[in-house]
Structure formats: structure tokens, C-alpha cells
Amino acid sequence: MAIDVRVPTILRTYTDGAKSVSGNGGTVAELFSDLESRHAGIQERLVDDGQIRRFVNVYLNDEDVRFLDGISTELSDGDSITILPAVAGGSGSAEGSTQGSAQHATRGEAARVSQR
């Protein structure tokens, strides 16, 4: 079962610079284990205590897996996974300041980032 995994720039050190890698697994957890077998260290950046890390967003065919079954979300041959770290920060101005809060990217932004 081949799953296309889009890797963000910050994790490409684990994939020898590859923007996209193939993986196998019936669930997101199995896919991450498969990726770890070929890209040592990547799973630790994605999973903490058996769950997807709080500031890592994982999309299955443009759907946030947190709104599906999380790390237990089932996968099918030909699915596409996009890994996207949450973006934190803010403008620092008093009006509309988001300083110190995490900003989660939308699915559209995830697609644009993964294509870079």
C-alpha cells in the first residue's frame, strides 16, 4: 500500500532533503513507524506518548486527522498525507496581536506549503 507523504522543510533533514516520500501502513501510526524504519528520527518529531504532537498538523487528503481518528486514522492505497508544523508568533502590535499563540494553517495553506 503506497502512501504519498509530503514533508515540511523543517523535517527534510530526516528525508535527505526529499519534499515527498512514500510510505506504507494501514493507519497513520503504522505509516509513521514505516517512515521511521527508513528515515530514522522522524517519528520522534511527529509522535509523543502515542499521539500526534500538539504542534504538528497531519492532513489525510486535505482533512485534518484530528477530526477523523487521530493517529488511528485508517489509510488506503494512493492516499496523500501532508505533515505541517503549526506556525507560532504574532505581529507584536496591540491591535489584533496573536503574539504567543499558535496559529494553525488551513488545509489550503498546507497544500501550498507542501508544494514548495
PDB file of N, CA and C in Angstrom:
ATOM      1  N   MET A   1       0.851  -1.172   0.000  1.00  0.00           N
ATOM      2  CA  MET A   1       0.000   0.000   0.000  1.00  0.00           C
ATOM      3  C   MET A   1       0.897   1.235   0.000  1.00  0.00           C
ATOM      4  N   ALA A   2       0.867   2.010  -1.052  1.00  0.00           N
ATOM      5  CA  ALA A   2       1.720   3.191  -1.160  1.00  0.00           C
ATOM      6  C   ALA A   2       0.956   4.450  -0.750  1.00  0.00           C
ATOM      7  N   ILE A   3       1.548   5.181   0.182  1.00  0.00           N
ATOM      8  CA  ILE A   3       1.009   6.443   0.661  1.00  0.00           C
ATOM      9  C   ILE A   3       2.039   7.519   0.347  1.00  0.00           C
ATOM     10  N   ASP A   4       1.613   8.611  -0.288  1.00  0.00           N
ATOM     11  CA  ASP A   4       2.492   9.736  -0.567  1.00  0.00           C
ATOM     12  C   ASP A   4       2.505  10.643   0.661  1.00  0.00           C
ATOM     13  N   VAL A   5       3.698  10.933   1.185  1.00  0.00           N
ATOM     14  CA  VAL A   5       3.835  11.774   2.369  1.00  0.00           C
ATOM     15  C   VAL A   5       4.600  13.033   1.994  1.00  0.00           C
ATOM     16  N   ARG A   6       3.959  14.184   2.152  1.00  0.00           N
ATOM     17  CA  ARG A   6       4.605  15.475   1.890  1.00  0.00           C
ATOM     18  C   ARG A   6       5.267  15.940   3.177  1.00  0.00           C
ATOM     19  N   VAL A   7       6.548  16.225   3.070  1.00  0.00           N
ATOM     20  CA  VAL A   7       7.376  16.521   4.233  1.00  0.00           C
ATOM     21  C   VAL A   7       7.700  18.017   4.280  1.00  0.00           C
ATOM     22  N   PRO A   8       7.464  18.670   5.428  1.00  0.00           N
ATOM     23  CA  PRO A   8       7.785  20.096   5.529  1.00  0.00           C
ATOM     24  C   PRO A   8       9.293  20.319   5.567  1.00  0.00           C
ATOM     25  N   THR A   9       9.711  21.497   5.201  1.00  0.00           N
ATOM     26  CA  THR A   9      11.130  21.831   5.126  1.00  0.00           C
ATOM     27  C   THR A   9      11.867  21.480   6.410  1.00  0.00           C
ATOM     28  N   ILE A  10      11.284  21.765   7.551  1.00  0.00           N
ATOM     29  CA  ILE A  10      11.956  21.551   8.830  1.00  0.00           C
ATOM     30  C   ILE A  10      12.259  20.075   9.111  1.00  0.00           C
ATOM     31  N   LEU A  11      11.533  19.154   8.474  1.00  0.00           N
ATOM     32  CA  LEU A  11      11.774  17.721   8.694  1.00  0.00           C
ATOM     33  C   LEU A  11      12.545  17.064   7.548  1.00  0.00           C
ATOM     34  N   ARG A  12      12.920  17.823   6.553  1.00  0.00           N
ATOM     35  CA  ARG A  12      13.606  17.235   5.390  1.00  0.00           C
ATOM     36  C   ARG A  12      15.018  16.777   5.690  1.00  0.00           C
ATOM     37  N   THR A  13      15.560  17.183   6.823  1.00  0.00           N
ATOM     38  CA  THR A  13      16.877  16.658   7.212  1.00  0.00           C
ATOM     39  C   THR A  13      16.785  15.154   7.457  1.00  0.00           C
ATOM     40  N   TYR A  14      15.607  14.666   7.801  1.00  0.00           N
ATOM     41  CA  TYR A  14      15.400  13.236   8.039  1.00  0.00           C
ATOM     42  C   TYR A  14      15.162  12.469   6.743  1.00  0.00           C
ATOM     43  N   THR A  15      14.796  13.168   5.676  1.00  0.00           N
ATOM     44  CA  THR A  15      14.482  12.511   4.401  1.00  0.00           C
ATOM     45  C   THR A  15      15.513  12.843   3.323  1.00  0.00           C
ATOM     46  N   ASP A  16      16.706  13.225   3.740  1.00  0.00           N
ATOM     47  CA  ASP A  16      17.778  13.616   2.810  1.00  0.00           C
ATOM     48  C   ASP A  16      17.325  14.704   1.851  1.00  0.00           C
ATOM     49  N   GLY A  17      16.493  15.610   2.353  1.00  0.00           N
ATOM     50  CA  GLY A  17      16.055  16.754   1.558  1.00  0.00           C
ATOM     51  C   GLY A  17      14.830  16.515   0.695  1.00  0.00           C
ATOM     52  N   ALA A  18      14.309  15.301   0.697  1.00  0.00           N
ATOM     53  CA  ALA A  18      13.147  14.990  -0.154  1.00  0.00           C
ATOM     54  C   ALA A  18      11.893  15.710   0.342  1.00  0.00           C
ATOM     55  N   LYS A  19      11.173  16.336  -0.595  1.00  0.00           N
ATOM     56  CA  LYS A  19       9.911  17.018  -0.284  1.00  0.00           C
ATOM     57  C   LYS A  19       8.781  16.032  -0.078  1.00  0.00           C
ATOM     58  N   SER A  20       8.909  14.887  -0.698  1.00  0.00           N
ATOM     59  CA  SER A  20       7.859  13.869  -0.653  1.00  0.00           C
ATOM     60  C   SER A  20       8.514  12.499  -0.599  1.00  0.00           C
ATOM     61  N   VAL A  21       7.953  11.630   0.237  1.00  0.00           N
ATOM     62  CA  VAL A  21       8.438  10.259   0.330  1.00  0.00           C
ATOM     63  C   VAL A  21       7.242   9.317   0.296  1.00  0.00           C
ATOM     64  N   SER A  22       7.489   8.071  -0.020  1.00  0.00           N
ATOM     65  CA  SER A  22       6.432   7.060   0.006  1.00  0.00           C
ATOM     66  C   SER A  22       6.530   6.286   1.301  1.00  0.00           C
ATOM     67  N   GLY A  23       5.370   5.872   1.772  1.00  0.00           N
ATOM     68  CA  GLY A  23       5.331   5.064   2.978  1.00  0.00           C
ATOM     69  C   GLY A  23       4.233   4.030   2.874  1.00  0.00           C
ATOM     70  N   ASN A  24       4.209   3.135   3.836  1.00  0.00           N
ATOM     71  CA  ASN A  24       3.203   2.077   3.882  1.00  0.00           C
ATOM     72  C   ASN A  24       2.605   2.011   5.268  1.00  0.00           C
ATOM     73  N   GLY A  25       1.343   1.622   5.335  1.00  0.00           N
ATOM     74  CA  GLY A  25       0.691   1.431   6.621  1.00  0.00           C
ATOM     75  C   GLY A  25      -0.808   1.508   6.485  1.00  0.00           C
ATOM     76  N   GLY A  26      -1.489   0.782   7.333  1.00  0.00           N
ATOM     77  CA  GLY A  26      -2.947   0.777   7.325  1.00  0.00           C
ATOM     78  C   GLY A  26      -3.544   1.906   8.144  1.00  0.00           C
ATOM     79  N   THR A  27      -2.702   2.516   9.011  1.00  0.00           N
ATOM     80  CA  THR A  27      -3.129   3.658   9.826  1.00  0.00           C
ATOM     81  C   THR A  27      -2.009   4.696   9.820  1.00  0.00           C
ATOM     82  N   VAL A  28      -2.318   5.878  10.318  1.00  0.00           N
ATOM     83  CA  VAL A  28      -1.294   6.919  10.422  1.00  0.00           C
ATOM     84  C   VAL A  28      -0.154   6.431  11.327  1.00  0.00           C
ATOM     85  N   ALA A  29      -0.478   5.761  12.422  1.00  0.00           N
ATOM     86  CA  ALA A  29       0.555   5.242  13.329  1.00  0.00           C
ATOM     87  C   ALA A  29       1.481   4.262  12.611  1.00  0.00           C
ATOM     88  N   GLU A  30       0.902   3.352  11.837  1.00  0.00           N
ATOM     89  CA  GLU A  30       1.711   2.384  11.092  1.00  0.00           C
ATOM     90  C   GLU A  30       2.562   3.085  10.034  1.00  0.00           C
ATOM     91  N   LEU A  31       2.008   4.096   9.397  1.00  0.00           N
ATOM     92  CA  LEU A  31       2.751   4.864   8.400  1.00  0.00           C
ATOM     93  C   LEU A  31       3.957   5.534   9.054  1.00  0.00           C
ATOM     94  N   PHE A  32       3.759   6.161  10.219  1.00  0.00           N
ATOM     95  CA  PHE A  32       4.864   6.816  10.909  1.00  0.00           C
ATOM     96  C   PHE A  32       5.933   5.811  11.319  1.00  0.00           C
ATOM     97  N   SER A  33       5.541   4.619  11.731  1.00  0.00           N
ATOM     98  CA  SER A  33       6.511   3.568  12.063  1.00  0.00           C
ATOM     99  C   SER A  33       7.296   3.151  10.828  1.00  0.00           C
ATOM    100  N   ASP A  34       6.598   3.041   9.693  1.00  0.00           N
ATOM    101  CA  ASP A  34       7.266   2.696   8.443  1.00  0.00           C
ATOM    102  C   ASP A  34       8.258   3.790   8.044  1.00  0.00           C
ATOM    103  N   LEU A  35       7.848   5.045   8.174  1.00  0.00           N
ATOM    104  CA  LEU A  35       8.756   6.146   7.851  1.00  0.00           C
ATOM    105  C   LEU A  35       9.993   6.105   8.745  1.00  0.00           C
ATOM    106  N   GLU A  36       9.794   5.799  10.026  1.00  0.00           N
ATOM    107  CA  GLU A  36      10.906   5.727  10.971  1.00  0.00           C
ATOM    108  C   GLU A  36      11.911   4.652  10.553  1.00  0.00           C
ATOM    109  N   SER A  37      11.432   3.544   9.996  1.00  0.00           N
ATOM    110  CA  SER A  37      12.337   2.464   9.588  1.00  0.00           C
ATOM    111  C   SER A  37      13.265   2.882   8.453  1.00  0.00           C
ATOM    112  N   ARG A  38      12.855   3.881   7.675  1.00  0.00           N
ATOM    113  CA  ARG A  38      13.679   4.345   6.554  1.00  0.00           C
ATOM    114  C   ARG A  38      14.259   5.739   6.759  1.00  0.00           C
ATOM    115  N   HIS A  39      13.702   6.485   7.706  1.00  0.00           N
ATOM    116  CA  HIS A  39      14.137   7.863   7.968  1.00  0.00           C
ATOM    117  C   HIS A  39      14.259   8.048   9.481  1.00  0.00           C
ATOM    118  N   ALA A  40      15.302   7.461  10.039  1.00  0.00           N
ATOM    119  CA  ALA A  40      15.491   7.418  11.498  1.00  0.00           C
ATOM    120  C   ALA A  40      15.381   8.805  12.125  1.00  0.00           C
ATOM    121  N   GLY A  41      14.592   8.881  13.204  1.00  0.00           N
ATOM    122  CA  GLY A  41      14.437  10.117  13.957  1.00  0.00           C
ATOM    123  C   GLY A  41      13.181  10.897  13.646  1.00  0.00           C
ATOM    124  N   ILE A  42      12.559  10.625  12.508  1.00  0.00           N
ATOM    125  CA  ILE A  42      11.398  11.420  12.106  1.00  0.00           C
ATOM    126  C   ILE A  42      10.182  11.173  13.008  1.00  0.00           C
ATOM    127  N   GLN A  43       9.994   9.933  13.438  1.00  0.00           N
ATOM    128  CA  GLN A  43       8.813   9.615  14.240  1.00  0.00           C
ATOM    129  C   GLN A  43       8.804  10.388  15.564  1.00  0.00           C
ATOM    130  N   GLU A  44       9.964  10.550  16.158  1.00  0.00           N
ATOM    131  CA  GLU A  44      10.059  11.286  17.423  1.00  0.00           C
ATOM    132  C   GLU A  44       9.594  12.737  17.261  1.00  0.00           C
ATOM    133  N   ARG A  45       9.784  13.291  16.089  1.00  0.00           N
ATOM    134  CA  ARG A  45       9.354  14.674  15.817  1.00  0.00           C
ATOM    135  C   ARG A  45       7.858  14.767  15.565  1.00  0.00           C
ATOM    136  N   LEU A  46       7.204  13.637  15.281  1.00  0.00           N
ATOM    137  CA  LEU A  46       5.782  13.625  14.939  1.00  0.00           C
ATOM    138  C   LEU A  46       4.890  13.106  16.055  1.00  0.00           C
ATOM    139  N   VAL A  47       5.431  12.192  16.865  1.00  0.00           N
ATOM    140  CA  VAL A  47       4.610  11.475  17.852  1.00  0.00           C
ATOM    141  C   VAL A  47       5.197  11.650  19.249  1.00  0.00           C
ATOM    142  N   ASP A  48       4.302  11.868  20.208  1.00  0.00           N
ATOM    143  CA  ASP A  48       4.696  11.963  21.610  1.00  0.00           C
ATOM    144  C   ASP A  48       3.679  11.193  22.436  1.00  0.00           C
ATOM    145  N   ASP A  49       4.149  10.240  23.203  1.00  0.00           N
ATOM    146  CA  ASP A  49       3.286   9.440  24.070  1.00  0.00           C
ATOM    147  C   ASP A  49       2.145   8.777  23.288  1.00  0.00           C
ATOM    148  N   GLY A  50       2.468   8.291  22.096  1.00  0.00           N
ATOM    149  CA  GLY A  50       1.493   7.561  21.293  1.00  0.00           C
ATOM    150  C   GLY A  50       0.467   8.408  20.545  1.00  0.00           C
ATOM    151  N   GLN A  51       0.623   9.721  20.598  1.00  0.00           N
ATOM    152  CA  GLN A  51      -0.299  10.624  19.903  1.00  0.00           C
ATOM    153  C   GLN A  51       0.486  11.596  19.025  1.00  0.00           C
ATOM    154  N   ILE A  52      -0.186  12.162  18.040  1.00  0.00           N
ATOM    155  CA  ILE A  52       0.450  13.177  17.203  1.00  0.00           C
ATOM    156  C   ILE A  52       0.785  14.369  18.094  1.00  0.00           C
ATOM    157  N   ARG A  53       1.993  14.857  17.949  1.00  0.00           N
ATOM    158  CA  ARG A  53       2.421  16.004  18.764  1.00  0.00           C
ATOM    159  C   ARG A  53       1.453  17.175  18.603  1.00  0.00           C
ATOM    160  N   ARG A  54       1.317  17.915  19.666  1.00  0.00           N
ATOM    161  CA  ARG A  54       0.345  19.016  19.723  1.00  0.00           C
ATOM    162  C   ARG A  54       0.533  20.049  18.608  1.00  0.00           C
ATOM    163  N   PHE A  55       1.764  20.374  18.283  1.00  0.00           N
ATOM    164  CA  PHE A  55       2.011  21.412  17.291  1.00  0.00           C
ATOM    165  C   PHE A  55       2.402  20.856  15.927  1.00  0.00           C
ATOM    166  N   VAL A  56       1.966  19.643  15.654  1.00  0.00           N
ATOM    167  CA  VAL A  56       2.140  19.042  14.335  1.00  0.00           C
ATOM    168  C   VAL A  56       0.742  18.774  13.779  1.00  0.00           C
ATOM    169  N   ASN A  57       0.489  19.255  12.586  1.00  0.00           N
ATOM    170  CA  ASN A  57      -0.787  19.008  11.919  1.00  0.00           C
ATOM    171  C   ASN A  57      -0.571  17.973  10.832  1.00  0.00           C
ATOM    172  N   VAL A  58      -1.463  16.999  10.780  1.00  0.00           N
ATOM    173  CA  VAL A  58      -1.370  15.934   9.782  1.00  0.00           C
ATOM    174  C   VAL A  58      -2.686  15.900   9.018  1.00  0.00           C
ATOM    175  N   TYR A  59      -2.577  16.005   7.705  1.00  0.00           N
ATOM    176  CA  TYR A  59      -3.756  16.019   6.840  1.00  0.00           C
ATOM    177  C   TYR A  59      -3.771  14.775   5.966  1.00  0.00           C
ATOM    178  N   LEU A  60      -4.911  14.120   5.917  1.00  0.00           N
ATOM    179  CA  LEU A  60      -5.143  12.988   5.026  1.00  0.00           C
ATOM    180  C   LEU A  60      -6.034  13.480   3.911  1.00  0.00           C
ATOM    181  N   ASN A  61      -5.499  13.556   2.707  1.00  0.00           N
ATOM    182  CA  ASN A  61      -6.277  14.044   1.554  1.00  0.00           C
ATOM    183  C   ASN A  61      -7.003  15.347   1.909  1.00  0.00           C
ATOM    184  N   ASP A  62      -6.284  16.290   2.523  1.00  0.00           N
ATOM    185  CA  ASP A  62      -6.774  17.622   2.900  1.00  0.00           C
ATOM    186  C   ASP A  62      -7.706  17.651   4.102  1.00  0.00           C
ATOM    187  N   GLU A  63      -7.865  16.537   4.818  1.00  0.00           N
ATOM    188  CA  GLU A  63      -8.680  16.505   6.038  1.00  0.00           C
ATOM    189  C   GLU A  63      -7.762  16.341   7.250  1.00  0.00           C
ATOM    190  N   ASP A  64      -7.918  17.201   8.237  1.00  0.00           N
ATOM    191  CA  ASP A  64      -7.126  17.124   9.456  1.00  0.00           C
ATOM    192  C   ASP A  64      -7.468  15.830  10.190  1.00  0.00           C
ATOM    193  N   VAL A  65      -6.460  14.975  10.421  1.00  0.00           N
ATOM    194  CA  VAL A  65      -6.725  13.678  11.040  1.00  0.00           C
ATOM    195  C   VAL A  65      -7.215  13.801  12.479  1.00  0.00           C
ATOM    196  N   ARG A  66      -7.001  14.950  13.105  1.00  0.00           N
ATOM    197  CA  ARG A  66      -7.526  15.137  14.468  1.00  0.00           C
ATOM    198  C   ARG A  66      -9.053  15.094  14.474  1.00  0.00           C
ATOM    199  N   PHE A  67      -9.653  15.430  13.342  1.00  0.00           N
ATOM    200  CA  PHE A  67     -11.116  15.409  13.240  1.00  0.00           C
ATOM    201  C   PHE A  67     -11.613  14.084  12.669  1.00  0.00           C
ATOM    202  N   LEU A  68     -10.682  13.177  12.419  1.00  0.00           N
ATOM    203  CA  LEU A  68     -11.032  11.820  11.984  1.00  0.00           C
ATOM    204  C   LEU A  68     -10.771  10.918  13.195  1.00  0.00           C
ATOM    205  N   ASP A  69      -9.816  10.017  13.095  1.00  0.00           N
ATOM    206  CA  ASP A  69      -9.487   9.140  14.224  1.00  0.00           C
ATOM    207  C   ASP A  69      -8.065   9.359  14.742  1.00  0.00           C
ATOM    208  N   GLY A  70      -7.537  10.560  14.520  1.00  0.00           N
ATOM    209  CA  GLY A  70      -6.194  10.874  15.006  1.00  0.00           C
ATOM    210  C   GLY A  70      -5.156   9.930  14.437  1.00  0.00           C
ATOM    211  N   ILE A  71      -4.261   9.491  15.284  1.00  0.00           N
ATOM    212  CA  ILE A  71      -3.172   8.620  14.852  1.00  0.00           C
ATOM    213  C   ILE A  71      -3.677   7.247  14.411  1.00  0.00           C
ATOM    214  N   SER A  72      -4.914   6.918  14.781  1.00  0.00           N
ATOM    215  CA  SER A  72      -5.529   5.642  14.379  1.00  0.00           C
ATOM    216  C   SER A  72      -6.312   5.742  13.079  1.00  0.00           C
ATOM    217  N   THR A  73      -6.285   6.904  12.427  1.00  0.00           N
ATOM    218  CA  THR A  73      -6.994   7.089  11.167  1.00  0.00           C
ATOM    219  C   THR A  73      -6.515   6.066  10.142  1.00  0.00           C
ATOM    220  N   GLU A  74      -7.461   5.392   9.513  1.00  0.00           N
ATOM    221  CA  GLU A  74      -7.119   4.372   8.524  1.00  0.00           C
ATOM    222  C   GLU A  74      -6.723   5.013   7.201  1.00  0.00           C
ATOM    223  N   LEU A  75      -5.781   4.357   6.524  1.00  0.00           N
ATOM    224  CA  LEU A  75      -5.260   4.823   5.245  1.00  0.00           C
ATOM    225  C   LEU A  75      -5.555   3.802   4.162  1.00  0.00           C
ATOM    226  N   SER A  76      -5.615   4.300   2.924  1.00  0.00           N
ATOM    227  CA  SER A  76      -5.821   3.441   1.762  1.00  0.00           C
ATOM    228  C   SER A  76      -4.734   3.697   0.734  1.00  0.00           C
ATOM    229  N   ASP A  77      -4.506   2.721  -0.104  1.00  0.00           N
ATOM    230  CA  ASP A  77      -3.532   2.853  -1.178  1.00  0.00           C
ATOM    231  C   ASP A  77      -3.834   4.103  -1.996  1.00  0.00           C
ATOM    232  N   GLY A  78      -2.811   4.908  -2.239  1.00  0.00           N
ATOM    233  CA  GLY A  78      -2.975   6.121  -3.029  1.00  0.00           C
ATOM    234  C   GLY A  78      -3.314   7.360  -2.226  1.00  0.00           C
ATOM    235  N   ASP A  79      -3.515   7.215  -0.919  1.00  0.00           N
ATOM    236  CA  ASP A  79      -3.792   8.384  -0.083  1.00  0.00           C
ATOM    237  C   ASP A  79      -2.593   9.314  -0.051  1.00  0.00           C
ATOM    238  N   SER A  80      -2.855  10.550   0.318  1.00  0.00           N
ATOM    239  CA  SER A  80      -1.814  11.553   0.450  1.00  0.00           C
ATOM    240  C   SER A  80      -1.848  12.118   1.868  1.00  0.00           C
ATOM    241  N   ILE A  81      -0.700  12.123   2.515  1.00  0.00           N
ATOM    242  CA  ILE A  81      -0.551  12.688   3.856  1.00  0.00           C
ATOM    243  C   ILE A  81       0.323  13.932   3.741  1.00  0.00           C
ATOM    244  N   THR A  82      -0.123  15.011   4.363  1.00  0.00           N
ATOM    245  CA  THR A  82       0.669  16.227   4.448  1.00  0.00           C
ATOM    246  C   THR A  82       0.975  16.477   5.917  1.00  0.00           C
ATOM    247  N   ILE A  83       2.246  16.612   6.227  1.00  0.00           N
ATOM    248  CA  ILE A  83       2.681  16.932   7.580  1.00  0.00           C
ATOM    249  C   ILE A  83       3.015  18.416   7.585  1.00  0.00           C
ATOM    250  N   LEU A  84       2.426  19.130   8.536  1.00  0.00           N
ATOM    251  CA  LEU A  84       2.628  20.572   8.583  1.00  0.00           C
ATOM    252  C   LEU A  84       2.764  21.025  10.029  1.00  0.00           C
ATOM    253  N   PRO A  85       3.929  21.566  10.390  1.00  0.00           N
ATOM    254  CA  PRO A  85       4.058  22.072  11.757  1.00  0.00           C
ATOM    255  C   PRO A  85       3.205  23.327  11.919  1.00  0.00           C
ATOM    256  N   ALA A  86       2.636  23.496  13.114  1.00  0.00           N
ATOM    257  CA  ALA A  86       1.871  24.706  13.400  1.00  0.00           C
ATOM    258  C   ALA A  86       2.827  25.889  13.392  1.00  0.00           C
ATOM    259  N   VAL A  87       2.318  27.046  13.029  1.00  0.00           N
ATOM    260  CA  VAL A  87       3.107  28.267  12.989  1.00  0.00           C
ATOM    261  C   VAL A  87       2.761  29.081  14.223  1.00  0.00           C
ATOM    262  N   ALA A  88       3.773  29.515  14.955  1.00  0.00           N
ATOM    263  CA  ALA A  88       3.537  30.325  16.151  1.00  0.00           C
ATOM    264  C   ALA A  88       4.137  31.701  15.952  1.00  0.00           C
ATOM    265  N   GLY A  89       3.553  32.650  16.634  1.00  0.00           N
ATOM    266  CA  GLY A  89       4.103  34.004  16.575  1.00  0.00           C
ATOM    267  C   GLY A  89       3.008  35.013  16.448  1.00  0.00           C
ATOM    268  N   GLY A  90       3.387  36.239  16.182  1.00  0.00           N
ATOM    269  CA  GLY A  90       2.402  37.293  16.054  1.00  0.00           C
ATOM    270  C   GLY A  90       3.037  38.577  15.580  1.00  0.00           C
ATOM    271  N   SER A  91       2.194  39.570  15.426  1.00  0.00           N
ATOM    272  CA  SER A  91       2.656  40.845  14.897  1.00  0.00           C
ATOM    273  C   SER A  91       3.336  41.692  15.950  1.00  0.00           C
ATOM    274  N   GLY A  92       3.003  41.473  17.218  1.00  0.00           N
ATOM    275  CA  GLY A  92       3.605  42.261  18.276  1.00  0.00           C
ATOM    276  C   GLY A  92       2.899  43.575  18.518  1.00  0.00           C
ATOM    277  N   SER A  93       1.935  43.939  17.664  1.00  0.00           N
ATOM    278  CA  SER A  93       1.199  45.181  17.865  1.00  0.00           C
ATOM    279  C   SER A  93       0.019  44.926  18.787  1.00  0.00           C
ATOM    280  N   ALA A  94      -0.475  45.976  19.420  1.00  0.00           N
ATOM    281  CA  ALA A  94      -1.595  45.853  20.347  1.00  0.00           C
ATOM    282  C   ALA A  94      -2.871  45.453  19.634  1.00  0.00           C
ATOM    283  N   GLU A  95      -3.074  45.947  18.420  1.00  0.00           N
ATOM    284  CA  GLU A  95      -4.291  45.621  17.671  1.00  0.00           C
ATOM    285  C   GLU A  95      -4.124  44.291  16.970  1.00  0.00           C
ATOM    286  N   GLY A  96      -5.024  43.383  17.241  1.00  0.00           N
ATOM    287  CA  GLY A  96      -5.031  42.090  16.559  1.00  0.00           C
ATOM    288  C   GLY A  96      -3.821  41.232  16.858  1.00  0.00           C
ATOM    289  N   SER A  97      -3.188  41.475  17.989  1.00  0.00           N
ATOM    290  CA  SER A  97      -1.993  40.723  18.327  1.00  0.00           C
ATOM    291  C   SER A  97      -2.321  39.264  18.607  1.00  0.00           C
ATOM    292  N   THR A  98      -1.491  38.397  18.059  1.00  0.00           N
ATOM    293  CA  THR A  98      -1.615  36.966  18.337  1.00  0.00           C
ATOM    294  C   THR A  98      -0.331  36.456  18.954  1.00  0.00           C
ATOM    295  N   GLN A  99       0.483  37.386  19.450  1.00  0.00           N
ATOM    296  CA  GLN A  99       1.774  37.012  19.994  1.00  0.00           C
ATOM    297  C   GLN A  99       1.624  35.964  21.082  1.00  0.00           C
ATOM    298  N   GLY A 100       2.449  34.919  20.970  1.00  0.00           N
ATOM    299  CA  GLY A 100       2.441  33.858  21.966  1.00  0.00           C
ATOM    300  C   GLY A 100       1.418  32.772  21.710  1.00  0.00           C
ATOM    301  N   SER A 101       0.588  32.922  20.718  1.00  0.00           N
ATOM    302  CA  SER A 101      -0.397  31.878  20.458  1.00  0.00           C
ATOM    303  C   SER A 101       0.000  31.099  19.219  1.00  0.00           C
ATOM    304  N   ALA A 102      -0.450  29.874  19.164  1.00  0.00           N
ATOM    305  CA  ALA A 102      -0.177  29.042  17.983  1.00  0.00           C
ATOM    306  C   ALA A 102      -1.244  29.311  16.948  1.00  0.00           C
ATOM    307  N   GLN A 103      -0.823  29.427  15.704  1.00  0.00           N
ATOM    308  CA  GLN A 103      -1.752  29.623  14.606  1.00  0.00           C
ATOM    309  C   GLN A 103      -1.696  28.385  13.732  1.00  0.00           C
ATOM    310  N   HIS A 104      -2.826  27.714  13.567  1.00  0.00           N
ATOM    311  CA  HIS A 104      -2.855  26.503  12.762  1.00  0.00           C
ATOM    312  C   HIS A 104      -3.190  26.861  11.322  1.00  0.00           C
ATOM    313  N   ALA A 105      -2.444  26.285  10.402  1.00  0.00           N
ATOM    314  CA  ALA A 105      -2.658  26.539   8.990  1.00  0.00           C
ATOM    315  C   ALA A 105      -3.929  25.852   8.511  1.00  0.00           C
ATOM    316  N   THR A 106      -4.566  26.468   7.536  1.00  0.00           N
ATOM    317  CA  THR A 106      -5.733  25.841   6.938  1.00  0.00           C
ATOM    318  C   THR A 106      -5.277  24.772   5.959  1.00  0.00           C
ATOM    319  N   ARG A 107      -6.211  23.951   5.511  1.00  0.00           N
ATOM    320  CA  ARG A 107      -5.869  22.891   4.560  1.00  0.00           C
ATOM    321  C   ARG A 107      -5.282  23.476   3.281  1.00  0.00           C
ATOM    322  N   GLY A 108      -5.824  24.587   2.811  1.00  0.00           N
ATOM    323  CA  GLY A 108      -5.298  25.215   1.593  1.00  0.00           C
ATOM    324  C   GLY A 108      -3.866  25.669   1.775  1.00  0.00           C
ATOM    325  N   GLU A 109      -3.572  26.244   2.949  1.00  0.00           N
ATOM    326  CA  GLU A 109      -2.206  26.658   3.226  1.00  0.00           C
ATOM    327  C   GLU A 109      -1.288  25.453   3.300  1.00  0.00           C
ATOM    328  N   ALA A 110      -1.780  24.352   3.854  1.00  0.00           N
ATOM    329  CA  ALA A 110      -0.999  23.125   3.943  1.00  0.00           C
ATOM    330  C   ALA A 110      -0.607  22.659   2.555  1.00  0.00           C
ATOM    331  N   ALA A 111      -1.534  22.708   1.626  1.00  0.00           N
ATOM    332  CA  ALA A 111      -1.253  22.279   0.260  1.00  0.00           C
ATOM    333  C   ALA A 111      -0.207  23.186  -0.394  1.00  0.00           C
ATOM    334  N   ARG A 112      -0.335  24.496  -0.178  1.00  0.00           N
ATOM    335  CA  ARG A 112       0.630  25.433  -0.775  1.00  0.00           C
ATOM    336  C   ARG A 112       2.024  25.225  -0.198  1.00  0.00           C
ATOM    337  N   VAL A 113       2.119  25.039   1.121  1.00  0.00           N
ATOM    338  CA  VAL A 113       3.408  24.850   1.767  1.00  0.00           C
ATOM    339  C   VAL A 113       4.051  23.559   1.298  1.00  0.00           C
ATOM    340  N   SER A 114       3.271  22.500   1.179  1.00  0.00           N
ATOM    341  CA  SER A 114       3.843  21.202   0.816  1.00  0.00           C
ATOM    342  C   SER A 114       4.336  21.176  -0.618  1.00  0.00           C
ATOM    343  N   GLN A 115       3.898  22.106  -1.443  1.00  0.00           N
ATOM    344  CA  GLN A 115       4.320  22.127  -2.845  1.00  0.00           C
ATOM    345  C   GLN A 115       5.604  22.906  -3.046  1.00  0.00           C
ATOM    346  N   ARG A 116       6.084  23.557  -2.005  1.00  0.00           N
ATOM    347  CA  ARG A 116       7.330  24.361  -2.120  1.00  0.00           C
ATOM    348  C   ARG A 116       8.536  23.481  -2.222  1.00  0.00           C
TER     349      ARG A 116
END
